[in-house]
Amino acid sequence: MRILSIILLTLVSLFVVSAQSTTWKLNNLENIGGHKTEVLGNPKLIKGAIEFDGVDDGIFLDTNPIEGFSTFTIEAIFRPDADGQKEQRWFHIEQYPTAEVRALMETRLVGNEWFLDTFLKSGDNRLPLLAENFKHPIGKWYHVALVYDGKVMKHYVDGKLELSGEVVFNPMGKGKISFGVRQNKVYWFKGAIKKVRFTNKALNPDRFMKK
């Protein structure tokens, strides 16, 4: 029993050492996560977050925070607001020069509620997780997570698993990330984003960042 405990502790320690996370606070319009921003429209700084108007506000960064990751967890603290477009692409990573590899987190608005839509695409392999049976009130802050363990994609809202499925998603190369809009400048987001975190491991909910 003692030997088994030692083995388990060793495995946990190895995971902790190898799991590397990078957190970006969206509290600056000129620099996010040490990267210079390209700003579209007129997004506004509010208390500890950036607010997007749902019309023409967006932010682009010339970097891919999950470049080379075979497994990953993408987390965000965000607030979807009322009166936005029905479909909104508020988080988008895309590999360049090809657009055939990308990761997105999106919202769908239904009246005064929203639900999460996440998407991975790697060449001909793709998987959308459209959580239309998991609706949430708009105007509140939420934690969302997109997790990929090398085989299975999952997404969570406030630590609760909503959907999962298998997909082949090869490690991404260099690329760009956008907030508030899809990178071809459609489906603008109305709401605010406070913080994002990128980890090179598939995390369990008890290891997610706090709101």
N, C-alpha and C. Protein backbone atom coordinates (compact mmCIF):
# COMPACT_ATOMS: atom_id res chain seq x y z
N MET A 1 0.83 -1.20 0.00
CA MET A 1 0.00 0.00 0.00
C MET A 1 0.87 1.26 0.00
N ARG A 2 1.94 1.20 0.79
CA ARG A 2 2.85 2.35 0.87
C ARG A 2 3.52 2.59 -0.48
N ILE A 3 3.92 1.48 -1.15
CA ILE A 3 4.56 1.62 -2.45
C ILE A 3 3.61 2.23 -3.47
N LEU A 4 2.33 1.80 -3.44
CA LEU A 4 1.32 2.34 -4.35
C LEU A 4 1.14 3.83 -4.12
N SER A 5 1.11 4.25 -2.87
CA SER A 5 0.96 5.67 -2.54
C SER A 5 2.13 6.48 -3.07
N ILE A 6 3.34 5.93 -2.94
CA ILE A 6 4.52 6.63 -3.43
C ILE A 6 4.46 6.79 -4.95
N ILE A 7 4.03 5.71 -5.63
CA ILE A 7 3.91 5.77 -7.09
C ILE A 7 2.89 6.83 -7.52
N LEU A 8 1.74 6.87 -6.84
CA LEU A 8 0.70 7.85 -7.17
C LEU A 8 1.20 9.27 -6.94
N LEU A 9 1.89 9.50 -5.84
CA LEU A 9 2.43 10.83 -5.54
C LEU A 9 3.47 11.24 -6.59
N THR A 10 4.27 10.28 -7.02
CA THR A 10 5.27 10.56 -8.05
C THR A 10 4.62 10.96 -9.36
N LEU A 11 3.55 10.23 -9.74
CA LEU A 11 2.85 10.54 -10.98
C LEU A 11 2.21 11.91 -10.92
N VAL A 12 1.61 12.25 -9.78
CA VAL A 12 1.02 13.58 -9.61
C VAL A 12 2.09 14.65 -9.71
N SER A 13 3.24 14.41 -9.08
CA SER A 13 4.33 15.38 -9.13
C SER A 13 4.83 15.60 -10.54
N LEU A 14 4.95 14.51 -11.31
CA LEU A 14 5.38 14.63 -12.69
C LEU A 14 4.40 15.44 -13.51
N PHE A 15 3.09 15.25 -13.27
CA PHE A 15 2.07 16.01 -13.99
C PHE A 15 2.19 17.49 -13.67
N VAL A 16 2.34 17.80 -12.36
CA VAL A 16 2.42 19.20 -11.94
C VAL A 16 3.62 19.88 -12.57
N VAL A 17 4.77 19.16 -12.62
CA VAL A 17 5.98 19.73 -13.19
C VAL A 17 5.82 19.97 -14.68
N SER A 18 5.21 19.02 -15.39
CA SER A 18 5.14 19.11 -16.84
C SER A 18 3.99 19.99 -17.34
N ALA A 19 2.99 20.23 -16.51
CA ALA A 19 1.87 21.09 -16.91
C ALA A 19 2.30 22.55 -16.82
N GLN A 20 2.34 23.22 -17.96
CA GLN A 20 2.77 24.61 -18.01
C GLN A 20 1.61 25.48 -18.47
N SER A 21 1.32 26.51 -17.70
CA SER A 21 0.19 27.39 -17.99
C SER A 21 0.67 28.82 -18.22
N THR A 22 -0.02 29.50 -19.12
CA THR A 22 0.21 30.92 -19.37
C THR A 22 -1.12 31.64 -19.23
N THR A 23 -1.16 32.65 -18.38
CA THR A 23 -2.39 33.41 -18.14
C THR A 23 -2.25 34.82 -18.70
N TRP A 24 -3.25 35.23 -19.46
CA TRP A 24 -3.31 36.59 -19.98
C TRP A 24 -4.49 37.32 -19.33
N LYS A 25 -4.22 38.49 -18.78
CA LYS A 25 -5.29 39.37 -18.29
C LYS A 25 -5.61 40.39 -19.37
N LEU A 26 -6.88 40.48 -19.70
CA LEU A 26 -7.29 41.44 -20.72
C LEU A 26 -7.64 42.76 -20.04
N ASN A 27 -6.61 43.49 -19.66
CA ASN A 27 -6.79 44.77 -18.98
C ASN A 27 -5.94 45.86 -19.61
N ASN A 28 -5.57 45.66 -20.87
CA ASN A 28 -4.71 46.61 -21.57
C ASN A 28 -5.02 46.50 -23.07
N LEU A 29 -5.25 47.62 -23.70
CA LEU A 29 -5.59 47.60 -25.12
C LEU A 29 -4.38 47.59 -26.03
N GLU A 30 -3.20 47.85 -25.49
CA GLU A 30 -1.99 47.92 -26.30
C GLU A 30 -1.15 46.66 -26.23
N ASN A 31 -1.29 45.91 -25.13
CA ASN A 31 -0.44 44.75 -24.93
C ASN A 31 -1.20 43.71 -24.10
N ILE A 32 -1.26 42.48 -24.61
CA ILE A 32 -1.90 41.39 -23.89
C ILE A 32 -0.94 40.21 -23.85
N GLY A 33 -0.64 39.75 -22.67
CA GLY A 33 0.26 38.60 -22.53
C GLY A 33 1.65 38.85 -23.08
N GLY A 34 2.09 40.11 -23.10
CA GLY A 34 3.39 40.45 -23.64
C GLY A 34 3.42 40.60 -25.14
N HIS A 35 2.24 40.62 -25.77
CA HIS A 35 2.15 40.71 -27.23
C HIS A 35 1.42 42.00 -27.63
N LYS A 36 1.96 42.68 -28.62
CA LYS A 36 1.34 43.90 -29.11
C LYS A 36 0.02 43.58 -29.79
N THR A 37 -0.96 44.41 -29.56
CA THR A 37 -2.31 44.17 -30.10
C THR A 37 -2.54 44.96 -31.40
N GLU A 38 -3.42 44.40 -32.22
CA GLU A 38 -4.02 45.14 -33.33
C GLU A 38 -5.49 45.33 -32.95
N VAL A 39 -5.91 46.57 -32.78
CA VAL A 39 -7.25 46.86 -32.27
C VAL A 39 -8.16 47.31 -33.40
N LEU A 40 -9.33 46.68 -33.48
CA LEU A 40 -10.36 47.09 -34.43
C LEU A 40 -11.48 47.78 -33.67
N GLY A 41 -12.07 48.81 -34.28
CA GLY A 41 -13.18 49.50 -33.63
C GLY A 41 -12.72 50.24 -32.39
N ASN A 42 -13.54 50.18 -31.35
CA ASN A 42 -13.27 50.93 -30.13
C ASN A 42 -13.62 50.12 -28.88
N PRO A 43 -12.98 48.97 -28.68
CA PRO A 43 -13.25 48.22 -27.44
C PRO A 43 -12.86 49.04 -26.23
N LYS A 44 -13.56 48.84 -25.12
CA LYS A 44 -13.37 49.67 -23.94
C LYS A 44 -12.81 48.87 -22.76
N LEU A 45 -11.95 49.54 -22.01
CA LEU A 45 -11.48 48.96 -20.77
C LEU A 45 -12.52 49.21 -19.68
N ILE A 46 -12.98 48.14 -19.05
CA ILE A 46 -13.82 48.28 -17.87
C ILE A 46 -13.01 47.70 -16.72
N LYS A 47 -13.59 47.51 -15.58
CA LYS A 47 -12.84 47.04 -14.42
C LYS A 47 -12.27 45.64 -14.67
N GLY A 48 -10.97 45.58 -14.96
CA GLY A 48 -10.29 44.30 -15.11
C GLY A 48 -10.67 43.50 -16.33
N ALA A 49 -11.21 44.15 -17.37
CA ALA A 49 -11.66 43.40 -18.56
C ALA A 49 -11.72 44.33 -19.76
N ILE A 50 -11.91 43.74 -20.93
CA ILE A 50 -12.14 44.50 -22.16
C ILE A 50 -13.56 44.20 -22.64
N GLU A 51 -14.28 45.27 -22.98
CA GLU A 51 -15.67 45.16 -23.41
C GLU A 51 -15.77 45.42 -24.91
N PHE A 52 -16.53 44.57 -25.59
CA PHE A 52 -16.70 44.64 -27.04
C PHE A 52 -18.15 45.00 -27.36
N ASP A 53 -18.35 45.82 -28.42
CA ASP A 53 -19.69 46.36 -28.69
C ASP A 53 -20.57 45.48 -29.56
N GLY A 54 -20.03 44.39 -30.12
CA GLY A 54 -20.84 43.52 -30.96
C GLY A 54 -21.04 44.02 -32.37
N VAL A 55 -20.38 45.11 -32.73
CA VAL A 55 -20.55 45.71 -34.06
C VAL A 55 -19.25 45.66 -34.86
N ASP A 56 -18.19 46.27 -34.30
CA ASP A 56 -16.92 46.29 -35.03
C ASP A 56 -15.70 46.28 -34.10
N ASP A 57 -15.87 45.87 -32.85
CA ASP A 57 -14.76 45.81 -31.90
C ASP A 57 -14.08 44.44 -31.94
N GLY A 58 -12.78 44.45 -32.05
CA GLY A 58 -12.02 43.21 -32.02
C GLY A 58 -10.57 43.46 -31.69
N ILE A 59 -9.87 42.42 -31.25
CA ILE A 59 -8.44 42.51 -30.95
C ILE A 59 -7.74 41.31 -31.56
N PHE A 60 -6.63 41.56 -32.26
CA PHE A 60 -5.82 40.51 -32.88
C PHE A 60 -4.42 40.53 -32.27
N LEU A 61 -3.84 39.36 -32.08
CA LEU A 61 -2.46 39.23 -31.65
C LEU A 61 -1.74 38.26 -32.58
N ASP A 62 -0.53 38.62 -32.96
CA ASP A 62 0.24 37.83 -33.91
C ASP A 62 1.02 36.73 -33.17
N THR A 63 0.29 35.81 -32.55
CA THR A 63 0.91 34.71 -31.82
C THR A 63 -0.10 33.58 -31.67
N ASN A 64 0.40 32.37 -31.46
CA ASN A 64 -0.44 31.21 -31.21
C ASN A 64 -0.06 30.62 -29.86
N PRO A 65 -0.86 30.83 -28.83
CA PRO A 65 -0.50 30.38 -27.47
C PRO A 65 -0.54 28.88 -27.27
N ILE A 66 -1.09 28.11 -28.23
CA ILE A 66 -1.07 26.64 -28.10
C ILE A 66 -0.23 26.01 -29.20
N GLU A 67 0.69 26.78 -29.76
CA GLU A 67 1.57 26.24 -30.80
C GLU A 67 2.35 25.04 -30.28
N GLY A 68 2.30 23.94 -31.02
CA GLY A 68 3.06 22.75 -30.67
C GLY A 68 2.43 21.85 -29.63
N PHE A 69 1.28 22.23 -29.08
CA PHE A 69 0.64 21.43 -28.02
C PHE A 69 -0.11 20.24 -28.63
N SER A 70 0.19 19.05 -28.15
CA SER A 70 -0.57 17.87 -28.57
C SER A 70 -1.78 17.65 -27.67
N THR A 71 -1.72 18.18 -26.47
CA THR A 71 -2.86 18.23 -25.55
C THR A 71 -2.93 19.65 -25.00
N PHE A 72 -4.12 20.09 -24.60
CA PHE A 72 -4.21 21.46 -24.09
C PHE A 72 -5.52 21.70 -23.37
N THR A 73 -5.52 22.77 -22.58
CA THR A 73 -6.72 23.32 -21.97
C THR A 73 -6.73 24.82 -22.23
N ILE A 74 -7.80 25.31 -22.82
CA ILE A 74 -8.00 26.75 -23.04
C ILE A 74 -9.13 27.19 -22.12
N GLU A 75 -8.87 28.18 -21.28
CA GLU A 75 -9.88 28.67 -20.34
C GLU A 75 -10.11 30.17 -20.56
N ALA A 76 -11.29 30.62 -20.23
CA ALA A 76 -11.58 32.05 -20.32
C ALA A 76 -12.63 32.42 -19.28
N ILE A 77 -12.51 33.65 -18.80
CA ILE A 77 -13.55 34.27 -17.97
C ILE A 77 -14.19 35.35 -18.84
N PHE A 78 -15.47 35.20 -19.13
CA PHE A 78 -16.10 36.15 -20.05
C PHE A 78 -17.56 36.39 -19.65
N ARG A 79 -18.13 37.46 -20.23
CA ARG A 79 -19.52 37.84 -19.94
C ARG A 79 -20.23 38.14 -21.25
N PRO A 80 -21.15 37.28 -21.66
CA PRO A 80 -21.95 37.58 -22.86
C PRO A 80 -23.09 38.55 -22.49
N ASP A 81 -23.28 39.56 -23.31
CA ASP A 81 -24.29 40.57 -23.03
C ASP A 81 -25.50 40.45 -23.95
N ALA A 82 -26.55 41.17 -23.60
CA ALA A 82 -27.80 41.12 -24.35
C ALA A 82 -27.68 41.88 -25.67
N ASP A 83 -28.57 41.55 -26.59
CA ASP A 83 -28.75 42.26 -27.85
C ASP A 83 -27.57 42.11 -28.82
N GLY A 84 -26.81 41.04 -28.64
CA GLY A 84 -25.76 40.76 -29.60
C GLY A 84 -26.29 39.91 -30.75
N GLN A 85 -25.42 39.60 -31.72
CA GLN A 85 -25.82 38.73 -32.80
C GLN A 85 -26.15 37.33 -32.28
N LYS A 86 -26.97 36.64 -33.01
CA LYS A 86 -27.35 35.29 -32.59
C LYS A 86 -26.12 34.38 -32.52
N GLU A 87 -25.20 34.52 -33.47
CA GLU A 87 -23.96 33.74 -33.48
C GLU A 87 -22.79 34.69 -33.32
N GLN A 88 -21.91 34.38 -32.35
CA GLN A 88 -20.78 35.26 -32.07
C GLN A 88 -19.51 34.44 -31.86
N ARG A 89 -18.46 34.77 -32.63
CA ARG A 89 -17.16 34.09 -32.49
C ARG A 89 -16.25 35.00 -31.66
N TRP A 90 -16.18 34.74 -30.37
CA TRP A 90 -15.48 35.68 -29.49
C TRP A 90 -14.05 35.26 -29.19
N PHE A 91 -13.66 34.04 -29.60
CA PHE A 91 -12.29 33.56 -29.36
C PHE A 91 -11.90 32.68 -30.54
N HIS A 92 -10.76 33.01 -31.18
CA HIS A 92 -10.40 32.31 -32.41
C HIS A 92 -8.87 32.22 -32.53
N ILE A 93 -8.35 30.99 -32.57
CA ILE A 93 -6.94 30.75 -32.89
C ILE A 93 -6.90 30.08 -34.27
N GLU A 94 -6.02 30.59 -35.13
CA GLU A 94 -5.92 30.02 -36.47
C GLU A 94 -4.46 29.93 -36.90
N GLN A 95 -4.11 28.80 -37.48
CA GLN A 95 -2.75 28.59 -37.97
C GLN A 95 -2.56 29.31 -39.29
N TYR A 96 -1.36 29.87 -39.47
CA TYR A 96 -1.04 30.54 -40.73
C TYR A 96 0.20 29.91 -41.34
N PRO A 97 0.32 29.91 -42.70
CA PRO A 97 -0.54 30.62 -43.67
C PRO A 97 -1.83 29.89 -44.02
N THR A 98 -1.98 28.62 -43.63
CA THR A 98 -3.22 27.91 -43.93
C THR A 98 -4.28 28.19 -42.88
N ALA A 99 -5.54 28.21 -43.30
CA ALA A 99 -6.65 28.41 -42.36
C ALA A 99 -7.33 27.08 -42.05
N GLU A 100 -6.66 25.97 -42.37
CA GLU A 100 -7.28 24.65 -42.21
C GLU A 100 -7.11 24.08 -40.81
N VAL A 101 -6.44 24.81 -39.93
CA VAL A 101 -6.27 24.38 -38.54
C VAL A 101 -6.69 25.53 -37.64
N ARG A 102 -7.72 25.30 -36.82
CA ARG A 102 -8.18 26.39 -35.96
C ARG A 102 -8.95 25.86 -34.77
N ALA A 103 -9.05 26.72 -33.75
CA ALA A 103 -9.81 26.44 -32.53
C ALA A 103 -10.64 27.67 -32.22
N LEU A 104 -11.93 27.44 -31.95
CA LEU A 104 -12.83 28.55 -31.66
C LEU A 104 -13.70 28.28 -30.45
N MET A 105 -14.05 29.36 -29.74
CA MET A 105 -15.12 29.33 -28.75
C MET A 105 -16.12 30.40 -29.15
N GLU A 106 -17.39 30.00 -29.18
CA GLU A 106 -18.44 30.84 -29.71
C GLU A 106 -19.65 30.85 -28.76
N THR A 107 -20.50 31.83 -28.93
CA THR A 107 -21.78 31.84 -28.21
C THR A 107 -22.92 31.84 -29.20
N ARG A 108 -24.02 31.28 -28.77
CA ARG A 108 -25.29 31.35 -29.50
C ARG A 108 -26.31 31.95 -28.54
N LEU A 109 -26.97 33.03 -28.98
CA LEU A 109 -27.98 33.68 -28.14
C LEU A 109 -29.37 33.20 -28.51
N VAL A 110 -30.16 32.89 -27.47
CA VAL A 110 -31.56 32.50 -27.64
C VAL A 110 -32.36 33.30 -26.61
N GLY A 111 -32.98 34.39 -27.05
CA GLY A 111 -33.69 35.25 -26.11
C GLY A 111 -32.72 35.85 -25.10
N ASN A 112 -33.00 35.65 -23.82
CA ASN A 112 -32.15 36.17 -22.76
C ASN A 112 -31.17 35.12 -22.24
N GLU A 113 -30.89 34.11 -23.07
CA GLU A 113 -29.97 33.06 -22.68
C GLU A 113 -28.92 32.84 -23.77
N TRP A 114 -27.87 32.15 -23.42
CA TRP A 114 -26.83 31.81 -24.37
C TRP A 114 -26.38 30.37 -24.12
N PHE A 115 -25.76 29.78 -25.14
CA PHE A 115 -25.10 28.50 -24.93
C PHE A 115 -23.78 28.48 -25.68
N LEU A 116 -22.90 27.60 -25.24
CA LEU A 116 -21.54 27.56 -25.75
C LEU A 116 -21.42 26.65 -26.97
N ASP A 117 -20.67 27.11 -27.95
CA ASP A 117 -20.34 26.32 -29.13
C ASP A 117 -18.82 26.36 -29.26
N THR A 118 -18.17 25.20 -29.19
CA THR A 118 -16.73 25.13 -29.37
C THR A 118 -16.43 24.32 -30.63
N PHE A 119 -15.25 24.57 -31.20
CA PHE A 119 -14.96 23.96 -32.51
C PHE A 119 -13.47 23.75 -32.66
N LEU A 120 -13.08 22.54 -33.10
CA LEU A 120 -11.71 22.24 -33.48
C LEU A 120 -11.70 21.75 -34.92
N LYS A 121 -10.72 22.21 -35.69
CA LYS A 121 -10.56 21.76 -37.07
C LYS A 121 -9.09 21.56 -37.35
N SER A 122 -8.74 20.39 -37.88
CA SER A 122 -7.37 20.08 -38.27
C SER A 122 -7.42 19.38 -39.63
N GLY A 123 -7.27 20.16 -40.70
CA GLY A 123 -7.42 19.61 -42.04
C GLY A 123 -8.85 19.14 -42.26
N ASP A 124 -9.01 17.87 -42.64
CA ASP A 124 -10.34 17.32 -42.86
C ASP A 124 -11.03 16.89 -41.58
N ASN A 125 -10.31 16.89 -40.48
CA ASN A 125 -10.87 16.49 -39.19
C ASN A 125 -11.46 17.70 -38.49
N ARG A 126 -12.69 17.57 -38.06
CA ARG A 126 -13.35 18.70 -37.39
C ARG A 126 -14.40 18.19 -36.42
N LEU A 127 -14.65 18.99 -35.38
CA LEU A 127 -15.71 18.64 -34.43
C LEU A 127 -16.28 19.90 -33.80
N PRO A 128 -17.58 20.18 -34.02
CA PRO A 128 -18.26 21.23 -33.26
C PRO A 128 -18.99 20.62 -32.07
N LEU A 129 -18.93 21.29 -30.94
CA LEU A 129 -19.71 20.89 -29.76
C LEU A 129 -20.72 21.99 -29.50
N LEU A 130 -21.93 21.80 -30.00
CA LEU A 130 -22.99 22.81 -29.95
C LEU A 130 -23.92 22.46 -28.79
N ALA A 131 -23.76 23.15 -27.67
CA ALA A 131 -24.44 22.77 -26.43
C ALA A 131 -25.80 23.44 -26.29
N GLU A 132 -26.67 23.20 -27.26
CA GLU A 132 -27.97 23.89 -27.27
C GLU A 132 -28.89 23.46 -26.14
N ASN A 133 -28.59 22.34 -25.49
CA ASN A 133 -29.40 21.90 -24.35
C ASN A 133 -28.85 22.39 -23.00
N PHE A 134 -27.83 23.26 -23.06
CA PHE A 134 -27.22 23.80 -21.84
C PHE A 134 -27.21 25.32 -21.92
N LYS A 135 -28.36 25.93 -21.66
CA LYS A 135 -28.49 27.38 -21.78
C LYS A 135 -28.22 28.06 -20.44
N HIS A 136 -27.71 29.31 -20.54
CA HIS A 136 -27.32 30.09 -19.36
C HIS A 136 -27.83 31.52 -19.50
N PRO A 137 -28.13 32.22 -18.39
CA PRO A 137 -28.56 33.62 -18.46
C PRO A 137 -27.44 34.52 -18.97
N ILE A 138 -27.79 35.47 -19.81
CA ILE A 138 -26.80 36.44 -20.29
C ILE A 138 -26.54 37.48 -19.19
N GLY A 139 -25.44 38.24 -19.38
CA GLY A 139 -25.12 39.34 -18.49
C GLY A 139 -24.38 38.95 -17.23
N LYS A 140 -23.94 37.70 -17.12
CA LYS A 140 -23.18 37.24 -15.95
C LYS A 140 -21.79 36.78 -16.39
N TRP A 141 -20.86 36.73 -15.42
CA TRP A 141 -19.52 36.25 -15.70
C TRP A 141 -19.49 34.73 -15.61
N TYR A 142 -18.82 34.11 -16.58
CA TYR A 142 -18.72 32.66 -16.62
C TYR A 142 -17.27 32.23 -16.86
N HIS A 143 -16.95 31.05 -16.34
CA HIS A 143 -15.70 30.38 -16.70
C HIS A 143 -16.04 29.32 -17.74
N VAL A 144 -15.30 29.31 -18.84
CA VAL A 144 -15.49 28.28 -19.86
C VAL A 144 -14.14 27.64 -20.14
N ALA A 145 -14.16 26.37 -20.53
CA ALA A 145 -12.93 25.65 -20.82
C ALA A 145 -13.13 24.72 -22.01
N LEU A 146 -12.15 24.74 -22.90
CA LEU A 146 -12.06 23.81 -24.01
C LEU A 146 -10.85 22.92 -23.75
N VAL A 147 -11.08 21.61 -23.63
CA VAL A 147 -10.04 20.66 -23.23
C VAL A 147 -9.85 19.61 -24.31
N TYR A 148 -8.57 19.34 -24.65
CA TYR A 148 -8.27 18.29 -25.63
C TYR A 148 -7.16 17.40 -25.07
N ASP A 149 -7.43 16.09 -24.96
CA ASP A 149 -6.46 15.18 -24.35
C ASP A 149 -5.67 14.35 -25.36
N GLY A 150 -5.70 14.77 -26.62
CA GLY A 150 -5.02 14.03 -27.67
C GLY A 150 -5.95 13.12 -28.44
N LYS A 151 -7.16 12.96 -27.93
CA LYS A 151 -8.16 12.11 -28.59
C LYS A 151 -9.56 12.67 -28.43
N VAL A 152 -9.90 13.08 -27.21
CA VAL A 152 -11.25 13.54 -26.89
C VAL A 152 -11.24 15.04 -26.61
N MET A 153 -12.18 15.73 -27.22
CA MET A 153 -12.42 17.16 -26.98
C MET A 153 -13.61 17.29 -26.03
N LYS A 154 -13.48 18.18 -25.04
CA LYS A 154 -14.56 18.44 -24.09
C LYS A 154 -14.71 19.94 -23.90
N HIS A 155 -15.92 20.36 -23.53
CA HIS A 155 -16.01 21.73 -23.05
C HIS A 155 -16.89 21.83 -21.80
N TYR A 156 -16.53 22.81 -20.98
CA TYR A 156 -17.15 23.00 -19.67
C TYR A 156 -17.62 24.44 -19.52
N VAL A 157 -18.68 24.64 -18.74
CA VAL A 157 -19.10 25.97 -18.31
C VAL A 157 -19.20 25.94 -16.79
N ASP A 158 -18.45 26.84 -16.15
CA ASP A 158 -18.37 26.89 -14.68
C ASP A 158 -18.05 25.52 -14.08
N GLY A 159 -17.11 24.83 -14.72
CA GLY A 159 -16.61 23.56 -14.20
C GLY A 159 -17.47 22.36 -14.46
N LYS A 160 -18.58 22.54 -15.16
CA LYS A 160 -19.49 21.42 -15.43
C LYS A 160 -19.37 20.98 -16.89
N LEU A 161 -19.10 19.70 -17.08
CA LEU A 161 -18.98 19.17 -18.43
C LEU A 161 -20.32 19.25 -19.15
N GLU A 162 -20.29 19.79 -20.38
CA GLU A 162 -21.51 19.86 -21.18
C GLU A 162 -21.49 18.86 -22.34
N LEU A 163 -20.41 18.87 -23.14
CA LEU A 163 -20.34 17.97 -24.29
C LEU A 163 -18.92 17.47 -24.48
N SER A 164 -18.80 16.34 -25.18
CA SER A 164 -17.48 15.80 -25.52
C SER A 164 -17.60 14.98 -26.79
N GLY A 165 -16.46 14.73 -27.44
CA GLY A 165 -16.44 13.91 -28.64
C GLY A 165 -15.01 13.69 -29.09
N GLU A 166 -14.81 12.67 -29.90
CA GLU A 166 -13.47 12.35 -30.39
C GLU A 166 -13.18 13.10 -31.69
N VAL A 167 -11.93 13.58 -31.79
CA VAL A 167 -11.48 14.26 -33.01
C VAL A 167 -9.96 14.18 -33.07
N VAL A 168 -9.43 14.07 -34.28
CA VAL A 168 -7.99 14.14 -34.47
C VAL A 168 -7.61 15.60 -34.67
N PHE A 169 -6.77 16.12 -33.77
CA PHE A 169 -6.34 17.52 -33.86
C PHE A 169 -4.83 17.54 -33.67
N ASN A 170 -4.12 17.73 -34.77
CA ASN A 170 -2.66 17.72 -34.74
C ASN A 170 -2.12 19.02 -34.14
N PRO A 171 -0.94 18.98 -33.51
CA PRO A 171 -0.37 20.20 -32.94
C PRO A 171 -0.30 21.33 -33.97
N MET A 172 -0.67 22.51 -33.53
CA MET A 172 -0.71 23.66 -34.42
C MET A 172 0.68 24.27 -34.60
N GLY A 173 0.86 24.94 -35.73
CA GLY A 173 2.07 25.71 -35.97
C GLY A 173 1.84 27.17 -35.59
N LYS A 174 2.63 28.04 -36.18
CA LYS A 174 2.49 29.47 -35.89
C LYS A 174 1.14 29.96 -36.37
N GLY A 175 0.61 30.98 -35.69
CA GLY A 175 -0.69 31.49 -36.08
C GLY A 175 -1.03 32.77 -35.36
N LYS A 176 -2.30 33.11 -35.39
CA LYS A 176 -2.82 34.32 -34.75
C LYS A 176 -3.99 33.97 -33.85
N ILE A 177 -4.28 34.88 -32.92
CA ILE A 177 -5.44 34.75 -32.05
C ILE A 177 -6.24 36.04 -32.12
N SER A 178 -7.55 35.91 -32.09
CA SER A 178 -8.41 37.10 -32.05
C SER A 178 -9.42 36.96 -30.93
N PHE A 179 -9.78 38.11 -30.37
CA PHE A 179 -10.83 38.21 -29.37
C PHE A 179 -11.91 39.14 -29.90
N GLY A 180 -13.17 38.77 -29.68
CA GLY A 180 -14.27 39.64 -30.05
C GLY A 180 -14.80 39.47 -31.45
N VAL A 181 -14.13 38.65 -32.27
CA VAL A 181 -14.57 38.48 -33.65
C VAL A 181 -13.81 37.32 -34.28
N ARG A 182 -14.46 36.68 -35.24
CA ARG A 182 -13.75 35.69 -36.06
C ARG A 182 -12.70 36.41 -36.91
N GLN A 183 -11.66 35.70 -37.29
CA GLN A 183 -10.53 36.38 -37.93
C GLN A 183 -10.82 36.88 -39.34
N ASN A 184 -11.91 36.44 -39.96
CA ASN A 184 -12.30 37.05 -41.22
C ASN A 184 -13.30 38.20 -41.01
N LYS A 185 -13.37 38.64 -39.75
CA LYS A 185 -14.09 39.86 -39.34
C LYS A 185 -15.61 39.76 -39.57
N VAL A 186 -16.15 38.63 -39.13
CA VAL A 186 -17.60 38.45 -39.09
C VAL A 186 -17.97 37.86 -37.73
N TYR A 187 -19.25 37.90 -37.39
CA TYR A 187 -19.78 37.34 -36.15
C TYR A 187 -19.17 38.03 -34.91
N TRP A 188 -19.36 39.32 -34.80
CA TRP A 188 -18.80 40.14 -33.73
C TRP A 188 -19.45 39.81 -32.39
N PHE A 189 -18.68 39.95 -31.33
CA PHE A 189 -19.10 39.59 -29.97
C PHE A 189 -19.51 40.83 -29.17
N LYS A 190 -20.64 40.72 -28.50
CA LYS A 190 -21.06 41.77 -27.58
C LYS A 190 -20.96 41.23 -26.16
N GLY A 191 -20.05 41.82 -25.39
CA GLY A 191 -19.81 41.36 -24.03
C GLY A 191 -18.41 41.75 -23.60
N ALA A 192 -17.87 41.04 -22.63
CA ALA A 192 -16.57 41.38 -22.09
C ALA A 192 -15.76 40.11 -21.83
N ILE A 193 -14.44 40.25 -21.91
CA ILE A 193 -13.53 39.15 -21.62
C ILE A 193 -12.53 39.66 -20.59
N LYS A 194 -12.36 38.89 -19.52
CA LYS A 194 -11.50 39.31 -18.41
C LYS A 194 -10.14 38.63 -18.42
N LYS A 195 -10.11 37.35 -18.68
CA LYS A 195 -8.86 36.61 -18.51
C LYS A 195 -8.92 35.33 -19.33
N VAL A 196 -7.76 34.90 -19.86
CA VAL A 196 -7.66 33.62 -20.55
C VAL A 196 -6.41 32.90 -20.03
N ARG A 197 -6.45 31.57 -20.08
CA ARG A 197 -5.30 30.78 -19.68
C ARG A 197 -5.12 29.61 -20.63
N PHE A 198 -3.86 29.30 -20.95
CA PHE A 198 -3.51 28.23 -21.86
C PHE A 198 -2.58 27.27 -21.15
N THR A 199 -2.93 25.99 -21.13
CA THR A 199 -2.14 24.97 -20.46
C THR A 199 -1.84 23.85 -21.45
N ASN A 200 -0.65 23.27 -21.38
CA ASN A 200 -0.24 22.24 -22.33
C ASN A 200 -0.68 20.84 -21.92
N LYS A 201 -1.63 20.74 -21.00
CA LYS A 201 -2.18 19.47 -20.57
C LYS A 201 -3.71 19.54 -20.55
N ALA A 202 -4.35 18.39 -20.62
CA ALA A 202 -5.81 18.31 -20.47
C ALA A 202 -6.12 18.32 -18.98
N LEU A 203 -6.62 19.44 -18.47
CA LEU A 203 -6.87 19.59 -17.04
C LEU A 203 -8.25 19.06 -16.65
N ASN A 204 -8.33 18.56 -15.43
CA ASN A 204 -9.62 18.26 -14.82
C ASN A 204 -10.20 19.54 -14.22
N PRO A 205 -11.51 19.60 -14.02
CA PRO A 205 -12.13 20.83 -13.52
C PRO A 205 -11.57 21.33 -12.19
N ASP A 206 -11.06 20.43 -11.34
CA ASP A 206 -10.53 20.89 -10.05
C ASP A 206 -9.21 21.64 -10.21
N ARG A 207 -8.66 21.67 -11.42
CA ARG A 207 -7.44 22.41 -11.68
C ARG A 207 -7.67 23.65 -12.55
N PHE A 208 -8.94 23.95 -12.86
CA PHE A 208 -9.26 25.15 -13.63
C PHE A 208 -8.95 26.39 -12.81
N MET A 209 -8.69 27.49 -13.50
CA MET A 209 -8.49 28.77 -12.81
C MET A 209 -9.81 29.25 -12.22
N LYS A 210 -9.71 30.11 -11.23
CA LYS A 210 -10.90 30.63 -10.54
C LYS A 210 -11.44 31.88 -11.21
N LYS A 211 -12.74 32.07 -11.09
CA LYS A 211 -13.34 33.30 -11.63
C LYS A 211 -12.92 34.50 -10.80
